Amino acid sequence: VQLVESGGGLVQAGESLRLSCAVSGLIFMSQSMGWFRQAPGKEREFVAAIDWSGDMTDYADSVKGRFTISRDDTTNTVTLQMNSLQPDDTAVYYCNARHGALPTMIALDSPPGSGYWGQGTQVTVLA
């Protein structure tokens, strides 16, 4: 199983980035997908999730209206479009795959750390 994130980088506040996570070794259509992030000295936190069908999503309050999660089952990829980035968005972003999980459960990270994880991609937002 591999989850490979890409698209991170260094941007100015107000700019946008698009993260992608390519999944292999899993039946992608049965996986709900999530994005988490971890800033230096802080615990990992939930960012966004989408269910296996693409019909249900959930977002952390801090990113609602700015970030959009989507999935492409033809390429086994989940994407996080991040707009109006702020310095507080600076973190390593991780992709997570959980079989059949509801986005609300991914948001709660329940069970903690379950599923498969990518290696992370760094996002740095300058003020």
Foldseek 3Di string as FASTA:
>chain_A
DAWAKDWADEEAAQAKIKMKIADPPDQLLQKKKFKWWDDPPGDIAGAKIAGSNRPDMDGDPVQPPFWDWGADSVRRMIMIIGGRDDQVPWTWMKMFIDGGDHNVCVNVCVVPPDGDMHPTDTHGYHD
